[in-house]
N, C-alpha and C. Protein backbone atom coordinates (compact mmCIF):
# COMPACT_ATOMS: atom_id res chain seq x y z
N MET A 1 0.83 -1.17 0.00
CA MET A 1 0.00 0.00 0.00
C MET A 1 0.88 1.24 0.00
N LYS A 2 0.56 2.14 -0.86
CA LYS A 2 1.38 3.33 -1.01
C LYS A 2 0.94 4.46 -0.08
N ARG A 3 -0.36 4.65 0.05
CA ARG A 3 -0.84 5.80 0.81
C ARG A 3 -1.72 5.43 2.00
N LEU A 4 -2.40 4.29 1.91
CA LEU A 4 -3.36 3.91 2.93
C LEU A 4 -2.67 3.53 4.23
N LYS A 5 -3.18 4.09 5.32
CA LYS A 5 -2.78 3.67 6.66
C LYS A 5 -3.92 2.81 7.19
N PRO A 6 -3.74 1.48 7.21
CA PRO A 6 -4.84 0.58 7.57
C PRO A 6 -5.51 0.91 8.90
N ASP A 7 -4.77 1.45 9.86
CA ASP A 7 -5.38 1.78 11.15
C ASP A 7 -6.33 2.98 11.04
N LYS A 8 -6.30 3.70 9.93
CA LYS A 8 -7.20 4.84 9.70
C LYS A 8 -8.46 4.44 8.93
N LEU A 9 -8.54 3.18 8.51
CA LEU A 9 -9.69 2.69 7.75
C LEU A 9 -10.63 1.93 8.68
N HIS A 10 -11.88 2.38 8.75
CA HIS A 10 -12.90 1.76 9.59
C HIS A 10 -13.96 1.17 8.66
N VAL A 11 -14.09 -0.16 8.68
CA VAL A 11 -14.98 -0.87 7.76
C VAL A 11 -16.19 -1.39 8.53
N HIS A 12 -17.37 -1.15 7.95
CA HIS A 12 -18.62 -1.64 8.53
C HIS A 12 -19.36 -2.43 7.44
N PHE A 13 -19.78 -3.64 7.79
CA PHE A 13 -20.58 -4.45 6.88
C PHE A 13 -22.05 -4.31 7.28
N ALA A 14 -22.86 -3.81 6.36
CA ALA A 14 -24.29 -3.59 6.62
C ALA A 14 -25.04 -4.91 6.53
N GLY A 15 -26.25 -4.93 7.08
CA GLY A 15 -27.08 -6.12 7.18
C GLY A 15 -27.07 -7.00 5.94
N GLY A 16 -26.84 -8.29 6.16
CA GLY A 16 -26.87 -9.26 5.07
C GLY A 16 -25.59 -9.35 4.27
N THR A 17 -24.62 -8.51 4.57
CA THR A 17 -23.34 -8.52 3.86
C THR A 17 -22.26 -8.94 4.85
N THR A 18 -21.38 -9.83 4.40
CA THR A 18 -20.27 -10.29 5.23
C THR A 18 -18.96 -10.00 4.49
N PRO A 19 -17.84 -10.18 5.15
CA PRO A 19 -16.56 -9.97 4.46
C PRO A 19 -16.36 -10.85 3.22
N THR A 20 -17.11 -11.96 3.11
CA THR A 20 -16.90 -12.87 1.99
C THR A 20 -18.08 -12.96 1.03
N GLY A 21 -19.12 -12.16 1.21
CA GLY A 21 -20.21 -12.22 0.26
C GLY A 21 -21.48 -11.57 0.78
N PRO A 22 -22.49 -11.53 -0.04
CA PRO A 22 -22.47 -11.91 -1.45
C PRO A 22 -21.75 -10.86 -2.31
N LEU A 23 -21.37 -11.28 -3.50
CA LEU A 23 -20.67 -10.36 -4.41
C LEU A 23 -21.62 -9.32 -4.99
N MET A 24 -22.84 -9.75 -5.33
CA MET A 24 -23.80 -8.80 -5.89
C MET A 24 -25.15 -9.04 -5.26
N PRO A 25 -25.85 -8.01 -4.87
CA PRO A 25 -25.41 -6.62 -4.93
C PRO A 25 -24.41 -6.31 -3.82
N ARG A 26 -23.43 -5.51 -4.15
CA ARG A 26 -22.41 -5.10 -3.18
C ARG A 26 -22.03 -3.66 -3.51
N ARG A 27 -22.34 -2.77 -2.57
CA ARG A 27 -22.13 -1.34 -2.80
C ARG A 27 -21.27 -0.77 -1.67
N TYR A 28 -20.56 0.29 -2.01
CA TYR A 28 -19.62 0.92 -1.08
C TYR A 28 -19.97 2.39 -0.89
N THR A 29 -19.87 2.82 0.35
CA THR A 29 -20.02 4.23 0.71
C THR A 29 -18.77 4.60 1.49
N LEU A 30 -17.98 5.54 0.95
CA LEU A 30 -16.74 5.93 1.61
C LEU A 30 -16.79 7.42 1.93
N THR A 31 -16.59 7.73 3.20
CA THR A 31 -16.47 9.12 3.64
C THR A 31 -15.19 9.23 4.44
N HIS A 32 -14.86 10.46 4.83
CA HIS A 32 -13.62 10.66 5.59
C HIS A 32 -13.78 11.84 6.55
N SER A 33 -12.85 11.91 7.48
CA SER A 33 -12.78 13.03 8.40
C SER A 33 -11.63 13.93 7.97
N ASP A 34 -11.93 15.19 7.68
CA ASP A 34 -10.87 16.14 7.34
C ASP A 34 -9.96 16.39 8.53
N THR A 35 -10.48 16.23 9.74
CA THR A 35 -9.73 16.50 10.96
C THR A 35 -8.73 15.39 11.29
N THR A 36 -9.20 14.14 11.25
CA THR A 36 -8.35 13.02 11.69
C THR A 36 -7.71 12.24 10.54
N GLY A 37 -8.27 12.38 9.34
CA GLY A 37 -7.79 11.60 8.21
C GLY A 37 -8.36 10.19 8.18
N ASP A 38 -9.26 9.87 9.12
CA ASP A 38 -9.87 8.54 9.13
C ASP A 38 -10.80 8.38 7.93
N LEU A 39 -10.87 7.15 7.44
CA LEU A 39 -11.76 6.78 6.34
C LEU A 39 -12.83 5.85 6.88
N TYR A 40 -14.06 6.05 6.45
CA TYR A 40 -15.19 5.25 6.91
C TYR A 40 -15.83 4.57 5.69
N LEU A 41 -15.72 3.26 5.65
CA LEU A 41 -16.20 2.48 4.52
C LEU A 41 -17.34 1.58 4.98
N THR A 42 -18.51 1.77 4.38
CA THR A 42 -19.63 0.87 4.62
C THR A 42 -19.81 0.02 3.38
N ILE A 43 -19.95 -1.28 3.60
CA ILE A 43 -20.14 -2.25 2.52
C ILE A 43 -21.48 -2.92 2.74
N GLY A 44 -22.35 -2.86 1.74
CA GLY A 44 -23.67 -3.45 1.89
C GLY A 44 -24.36 -3.63 0.56
N ALA A 45 -25.59 -4.11 0.63
CA ALA A 45 -26.39 -4.30 -0.59
C ALA A 45 -26.83 -2.97 -1.17
N GLU A 46 -26.91 -1.94 -0.33
CA GLU A 46 -27.28 -0.60 -0.76
C GLU A 46 -26.24 0.38 -0.25
N HIS A 47 -26.20 1.57 -0.83
CA HIS A 47 -25.33 2.62 -0.31
C HIS A 47 -25.88 3.05 1.05
N ASP A 48 -24.99 3.47 1.93
CA ASP A 48 -25.37 3.88 3.28
C ASP A 48 -25.80 5.35 3.25
N ARG A 49 -27.08 5.58 3.02
CA ARG A 49 -27.61 6.94 2.91
C ARG A 49 -27.46 7.72 4.21
N GLN A 50 -27.53 7.04 5.34
CA GLN A 50 -27.38 7.74 6.62
C GLN A 50 -25.96 8.27 6.79
N GLN A 51 -24.99 7.53 6.28
CA GLN A 51 -23.59 7.94 6.38
C GLN A 51 -23.33 9.25 5.63
N ILE A 52 -24.12 9.53 4.60
CA ILE A 52 -23.91 10.74 3.80
C ILE A 52 -25.03 11.76 3.99
N ALA A 53 -25.81 11.62 5.07
CA ALA A 53 -26.97 12.49 5.27
C ALA A 53 -26.67 13.75 6.07
N GLY A 54 -25.53 13.85 6.73
CA GLY A 54 -25.22 15.02 7.55
C GLY A 54 -25.06 16.27 6.71
N TRP A 55 -25.30 17.43 7.32
CA TRP A 55 -25.25 18.70 6.56
C TRP A 55 -23.88 18.94 5.96
N TYR A 56 -22.80 18.61 6.68
CA TYR A 56 -21.45 18.86 6.18
C TYR A 56 -21.17 17.97 4.96
N THR A 57 -21.53 16.72 5.07
CA THR A 57 -21.32 15.79 3.94
C THR A 57 -22.15 16.20 2.74
N ARG A 58 -23.39 16.65 2.98
CA ARG A 58 -24.25 17.09 1.86
C ARG A 58 -23.69 18.32 1.18
N LEU A 59 -23.02 19.20 1.93
CA LEU A 59 -22.42 20.40 1.35
C LEU A 59 -21.13 20.05 0.60
N MET A 60 -20.30 19.23 1.21
CA MET A 60 -19.01 18.90 0.61
C MET A 60 -19.16 17.94 -0.58
N ARG A 61 -20.09 17.01 -0.48
CA ARG A 61 -20.29 16.00 -1.52
C ARG A 61 -18.98 15.37 -1.96
N ASP A 62 -18.11 15.06 -0.97
CA ASP A 62 -16.84 14.44 -1.31
C ASP A 62 -16.81 12.95 -0.97
N GLU A 63 -18.02 12.38 -0.73
CA GLU A 63 -18.09 10.94 -0.55
C GLU A 63 -17.82 10.25 -1.88
N VAL A 64 -17.44 9.00 -1.80
CA VAL A 64 -17.25 8.20 -3.01
C VAL A 64 -18.16 6.98 -2.87
N LEU A 65 -18.97 6.76 -3.89
CA LEU A 65 -19.86 5.61 -3.92
C LEU A 65 -19.36 4.66 -5.00
N ALA A 66 -19.55 3.36 -4.76
CA ALA A 66 -19.10 2.38 -5.75
C ALA A 66 -19.98 1.15 -5.66
N GLU A 67 -19.90 0.32 -6.69
CA GLU A 67 -20.64 -0.94 -6.69
C GLU A 67 -20.07 -1.89 -7.73
N TRP A 68 -20.24 -3.18 -7.44
CA TRP A 68 -19.90 -4.20 -8.43
C TRP A 68 -21.07 -4.33 -9.39
N GLN A 69 -20.76 -4.38 -10.68
CA GLN A 69 -21.77 -4.62 -11.70
C GLN A 69 -21.28 -5.75 -12.59
N ASP A 70 -22.23 -6.48 -13.11
CA ASP A 70 -21.89 -7.56 -14.04
C ASP A 70 -21.94 -6.99 -15.45
N ASP A 71 -20.78 -6.61 -15.98
CA ASP A 71 -20.68 -6.05 -17.33
C ASP A 71 -20.56 -7.19 -18.35
N ALA A 72 -20.47 -6.85 -19.61
CA ALA A 72 -20.39 -7.84 -20.69
C ALA A 72 -19.20 -8.78 -20.51
N GLU A 73 -18.09 -8.27 -19.98
CA GLU A 73 -16.88 -9.07 -19.80
C GLU A 73 -16.79 -9.72 -18.42
N GLY A 74 -17.79 -9.52 -17.58
CA GLY A 74 -17.79 -10.06 -16.22
C GLY A 74 -17.86 -8.95 -15.20
N PRO A 75 -17.54 -9.24 -13.94
CA PRO A 75 -17.65 -8.22 -12.89
C PRO A 75 -16.73 -7.03 -13.14
N ALA A 76 -17.23 -5.86 -12.80
CA ALA A 76 -16.45 -4.62 -12.90
C ALA A 76 -16.85 -3.74 -11.72
N LEU A 77 -15.87 -3.01 -11.19
CA LEU A 77 -16.14 -2.08 -10.11
C LEU A 77 -16.40 -0.70 -10.71
N HIS A 78 -17.58 -0.16 -10.43
CA HIS A 78 -17.95 1.17 -10.91
C HIS A 78 -17.94 2.12 -9.73
N VAL A 79 -17.14 3.18 -9.84
CA VAL A 79 -16.93 4.15 -8.78
C VAL A 79 -17.54 5.48 -9.23
N HIS A 80 -18.23 6.17 -8.31
CA HIS A 80 -18.93 7.41 -8.65
C HIS A 80 -18.47 8.56 -7.78
N CYS A 81 -18.10 9.68 -8.44
CA CYS A 81 -17.64 10.90 -7.77
C CYS A 81 -18.49 12.07 -8.24
N HIS A 82 -19.00 12.86 -7.30
CA HIS A 82 -19.85 14.01 -7.61
C HIS A 82 -18.97 15.25 -7.77
N VAL A 83 -18.76 15.66 -9.02
CA VAL A 83 -17.87 16.79 -9.31
C VAL A 83 -18.62 18.11 -9.26
N SER A 84 -19.81 18.19 -9.85
CA SER A 84 -20.56 19.45 -9.83
C SER A 84 -22.04 19.18 -9.98
N GLY A 85 -22.82 20.21 -9.65
CA GLY A 85 -24.26 20.12 -9.71
C GLY A 85 -24.85 20.26 -8.32
N GLY A 86 -25.85 21.09 -8.18
CA GLY A 86 -26.46 21.31 -6.88
C GLY A 86 -25.62 22.24 -6.02
N LEU A 87 -25.96 22.31 -4.76
CA LEU A 87 -25.24 23.17 -3.82
C LEU A 87 -24.08 22.38 -3.23
N ILE A 88 -22.87 22.68 -3.69
CA ILE A 88 -21.68 21.99 -3.18
C ILE A 88 -20.55 22.99 -3.03
N PHE A 89 -19.54 22.58 -2.29
CA PHE A 89 -18.37 23.42 -2.04
C PHE A 89 -17.34 23.23 -3.15
N GLY A 90 -16.86 24.33 -3.75
CA GLY A 90 -15.76 24.28 -4.70
C GLY A 90 -16.18 24.26 -6.15
N THR A 91 -15.25 24.65 -7.01
CA THR A 91 -15.50 24.64 -8.46
C THR A 91 -15.35 23.23 -9.00
N ALA A 92 -15.93 23.00 -10.17
CA ALA A 92 -15.84 21.68 -10.79
C ALA A 92 -14.38 21.30 -11.05
N GLY A 93 -13.59 22.23 -11.55
CA GLY A 93 -12.19 21.92 -11.83
C GLY A 93 -11.41 21.55 -10.58
N MET A 94 -11.63 22.28 -9.50
CA MET A 94 -10.96 22.00 -8.24
C MET A 94 -11.38 20.62 -7.72
N ARG A 95 -12.68 20.35 -7.74
CA ARG A 95 -13.18 19.08 -7.22
C ARG A 95 -12.71 17.90 -8.08
N TYR A 96 -12.70 18.08 -9.39
CA TYR A 96 -12.22 17.02 -10.29
C TYR A 96 -10.76 16.70 -9.97
N ASP A 97 -9.95 17.73 -9.81
CA ASP A 97 -8.53 17.52 -9.50
C ASP A 97 -8.35 16.81 -8.16
N ILE A 98 -9.14 17.20 -7.16
CA ILE A 98 -9.03 16.56 -5.84
C ILE A 98 -9.43 15.09 -5.93
N PHE A 99 -10.54 14.80 -6.58
CA PHE A 99 -10.95 13.40 -6.72
C PHE A 99 -9.86 12.59 -7.42
N ARG A 100 -9.31 13.10 -8.51
CA ARG A 100 -8.27 12.37 -9.24
C ARG A 100 -7.02 12.17 -8.37
N ARG A 101 -6.68 13.15 -7.58
CA ARG A 101 -5.50 13.03 -6.71
C ARG A 101 -5.73 12.00 -5.60
N GLU A 102 -6.95 11.94 -5.08
CA GLU A 102 -7.23 11.06 -3.94
C GLU A 102 -7.73 9.66 -4.34
N LEU A 103 -8.05 9.46 -5.60
CA LEU A 103 -8.59 8.16 -6.02
C LEU A 103 -7.65 6.98 -5.74
N PRO A 104 -6.34 7.09 -5.90
CA PRO A 104 -5.51 5.94 -5.53
C PRO A 104 -5.70 5.52 -4.07
N LEU A 105 -5.84 6.48 -3.17
CA LEU A 105 -6.09 6.16 -1.76
C LEU A 105 -7.46 5.50 -1.61
N VAL A 106 -8.46 6.04 -2.28
CA VAL A 106 -9.81 5.47 -2.23
C VAL A 106 -9.80 4.02 -2.70
N LEU A 107 -9.15 3.78 -3.82
CA LEU A 107 -9.13 2.42 -4.38
C LEU A 107 -8.32 1.47 -3.50
N GLU A 108 -7.26 1.97 -2.86
CA GLU A 108 -6.53 1.16 -1.88
C GLU A 108 -7.43 0.81 -0.71
N ALA A 109 -8.25 1.77 -0.26
CA ALA A 109 -9.15 1.52 0.86
C ALA A 109 -10.19 0.45 0.48
N PHE A 110 -10.76 0.54 -0.72
CA PHE A 110 -11.71 -0.49 -1.16
C PHE A 110 -11.03 -1.85 -1.18
N ARG A 111 -9.85 -1.93 -1.77
CA ARG A 111 -9.16 -3.22 -1.90
C ARG A 111 -8.79 -3.78 -0.53
N HIS A 112 -8.25 -2.94 0.35
CA HIS A 112 -7.85 -3.41 1.68
C HIS A 112 -9.07 -3.81 2.52
N GLY A 113 -10.11 -3.00 2.47
CA GLY A 113 -11.32 -3.31 3.23
C GLY A 113 -12.00 -4.58 2.77
N GLU A 114 -11.75 -4.98 1.54
CA GLU A 114 -12.37 -6.17 0.95
C GLU A 114 -11.40 -7.33 0.76
N ARG A 115 -10.28 -7.34 1.46
CA ARG A 115 -9.27 -8.37 1.22
C ARG A 115 -9.83 -9.78 1.39
N ALA A 116 -10.77 -10.01 2.31
CA ALA A 116 -11.36 -11.35 2.47
C ALA A 116 -12.19 -11.73 1.25
N LEU A 117 -12.89 -10.76 0.67
CA LEU A 117 -13.67 -11.03 -0.53
C LEU A 117 -12.75 -11.42 -1.69
N TYR A 118 -11.61 -10.75 -1.82
CA TYR A 118 -10.66 -11.07 -2.88
C TYR A 118 -10.02 -12.44 -2.66
N ASP A 119 -9.92 -12.88 -1.42
CA ASP A 119 -9.43 -14.23 -1.15
C ASP A 119 -10.42 -15.27 -1.66
N VAL A 120 -11.72 -14.99 -1.53
CA VAL A 120 -12.76 -15.91 -1.99
C VAL A 120 -12.94 -15.83 -3.51
N TYR A 121 -12.81 -14.62 -4.07
CA TYR A 121 -12.99 -14.38 -5.51
C TYR A 121 -11.72 -13.76 -6.08
N PRO A 122 -10.64 -14.52 -6.22
CA PRO A 122 -9.37 -13.93 -6.67
C PRO A 122 -9.44 -13.30 -8.07
N ALA A 123 -10.37 -13.73 -8.90
CA ALA A 123 -10.50 -13.15 -10.24
C ALA A 123 -10.89 -11.68 -10.18
N LEU A 124 -11.46 -11.22 -9.06
CA LEU A 124 -11.84 -9.82 -8.93
C LEU A 124 -10.64 -8.89 -8.99
N ASP A 125 -9.47 -9.42 -8.64
CA ASP A 125 -8.26 -8.59 -8.73
C ASP A 125 -7.97 -8.15 -10.16
N HIS A 126 -8.56 -8.85 -11.13
CA HIS A 126 -8.33 -8.53 -12.54
C HIS A 126 -9.55 -7.88 -13.20
N ALA A 127 -10.56 -7.58 -12.38
CA ALA A 127 -11.76 -6.92 -12.90
C ALA A 127 -11.46 -5.43 -13.12
N PRO A 128 -11.99 -4.85 -14.18
CA PRO A 128 -11.72 -3.44 -14.45
C PRO A 128 -12.41 -2.52 -13.44
N ILE A 129 -11.79 -1.36 -13.25
CA ILE A 129 -12.36 -0.31 -12.42
C ILE A 129 -12.72 0.85 -13.34
N TRP A 130 -13.98 1.25 -13.29
CA TRP A 130 -14.48 2.38 -14.09
C TRP A 130 -14.90 3.49 -13.14
N VAL A 131 -14.32 4.66 -13.29
CA VAL A 131 -14.64 5.80 -12.44
C VAL A 131 -15.52 6.76 -13.23
N HIS A 132 -16.69 7.04 -12.66
CA HIS A 132 -17.67 7.94 -13.26
C HIS A 132 -17.58 9.28 -12.54
N PHE A 133 -17.18 10.30 -13.25
CA PHE A 133 -17.15 11.65 -12.71
C PHE A 133 -18.45 12.32 -13.15
N HIS A 134 -19.29 12.68 -12.20
CA HIS A 134 -20.59 13.28 -12.50
C HIS A 134 -20.48 14.79 -12.37
N ALA A 135 -20.76 15.49 -13.48
CA ALA A 135 -20.64 16.95 -13.49
C ALA A 135 -21.62 17.55 -14.48
N VAL A 136 -22.03 18.77 -14.19
CA VAL A 136 -22.87 19.52 -15.11
C VAL A 136 -22.06 19.90 -16.35
N GLN A 137 -20.80 20.28 -16.13
CA GLN A 137 -19.93 20.69 -17.23
C GLN A 137 -19.48 19.45 -18.02
N GLU A 138 -19.69 19.50 -19.31
CA GLU A 138 -19.37 18.35 -20.18
C GLU A 138 -17.90 17.93 -20.06
N HIS A 139 -17.02 18.89 -19.91
CA HIS A 139 -15.58 18.61 -19.83
C HIS A 139 -15.24 17.68 -18.66
N TYR A 140 -15.96 17.82 -17.55
CA TYR A 140 -15.66 17.02 -16.36
C TYR A 140 -16.56 15.80 -16.21
N SER A 141 -17.61 15.72 -16.98
CA SER A 141 -18.53 14.59 -16.92
C SER A 141 -17.99 13.49 -17.82
N ARG A 142 -17.40 12.48 -17.20
CA ARG A 142 -16.72 11.45 -18.00
C ARG A 142 -16.59 10.16 -17.22
N VAL A 143 -16.23 9.10 -17.94
CA VAL A 143 -15.94 7.80 -17.35
C VAL A 143 -14.50 7.46 -17.73
N GLU A 144 -13.70 7.08 -16.74
CA GLU A 144 -12.30 6.75 -16.97
C GLU A 144 -11.99 5.35 -16.46
N HIS A 145 -11.13 4.65 -17.17
CA HIS A 145 -10.65 3.34 -16.72
C HIS A 145 -9.47 3.56 -15.78
N TRP A 146 -9.53 2.99 -14.58
CA TRP A 146 -8.49 3.17 -13.56
C TRP A 146 -7.80 1.86 -13.24
N GLY A 147 -7.61 1.00 -14.22
CA GLY A 147 -6.87 -0.23 -14.01
C GLY A 147 -7.74 -1.32 -13.41
N VAL A 148 -7.10 -2.16 -12.60
CA VAL A 148 -7.79 -3.29 -11.94
C VAL A 148 -7.46 -3.23 -10.45
N SER A 149 -8.22 -3.95 -9.67
CA SER A 149 -8.05 -3.91 -8.21
C SER A 149 -6.65 -4.30 -7.77
N ALA A 150 -6.03 -5.24 -8.47
CA ALA A 150 -4.68 -5.67 -8.10
C ALA A 150 -3.69 -4.51 -8.13
N ASP A 151 -3.97 -3.48 -8.91
CA ASP A 151 -3.09 -2.30 -8.96
C ASP A 151 -3.08 -1.56 -7.63
N TYR A 152 -4.05 -1.84 -6.76
CA TYR A 152 -4.20 -1.07 -5.52
C TYR A 152 -4.05 -1.96 -4.28
N ARG A 153 -3.35 -3.09 -4.42
CA ARG A 153 -3.08 -3.97 -3.28
C ARG A 153 -2.09 -3.33 -2.36
């Protein structure tokens, strides 16, 4: 791990989800503390709406949501980042740059938090990661390939 400090990652498995399954539906909600640097990852069948319901989180919109989807080539991890639209803090360009800078840490957190799942489904290490940047501005609204999970072990 290049950037992740495992002691700063707090993983919670929501009802019906365990460290080893099921694979689908499996969704991720990742938030963080600007003060402590701690990362909070909830893994469940649905995104953890309560985790992102606070006024500060709603204003910052710097959470990262993700989910496994069964694409034409097999499982793929789809990651979603809110760059612009609605009432949020910061310009689209600034937010896009921050998300891109922090995504390696985010993907390391997903991979580390799910290490038991990867032990059960080792092929997931070779599944593609698609990052969806959601923005009103066409320039920032895009989908990018960010390698495979094994890149973030």
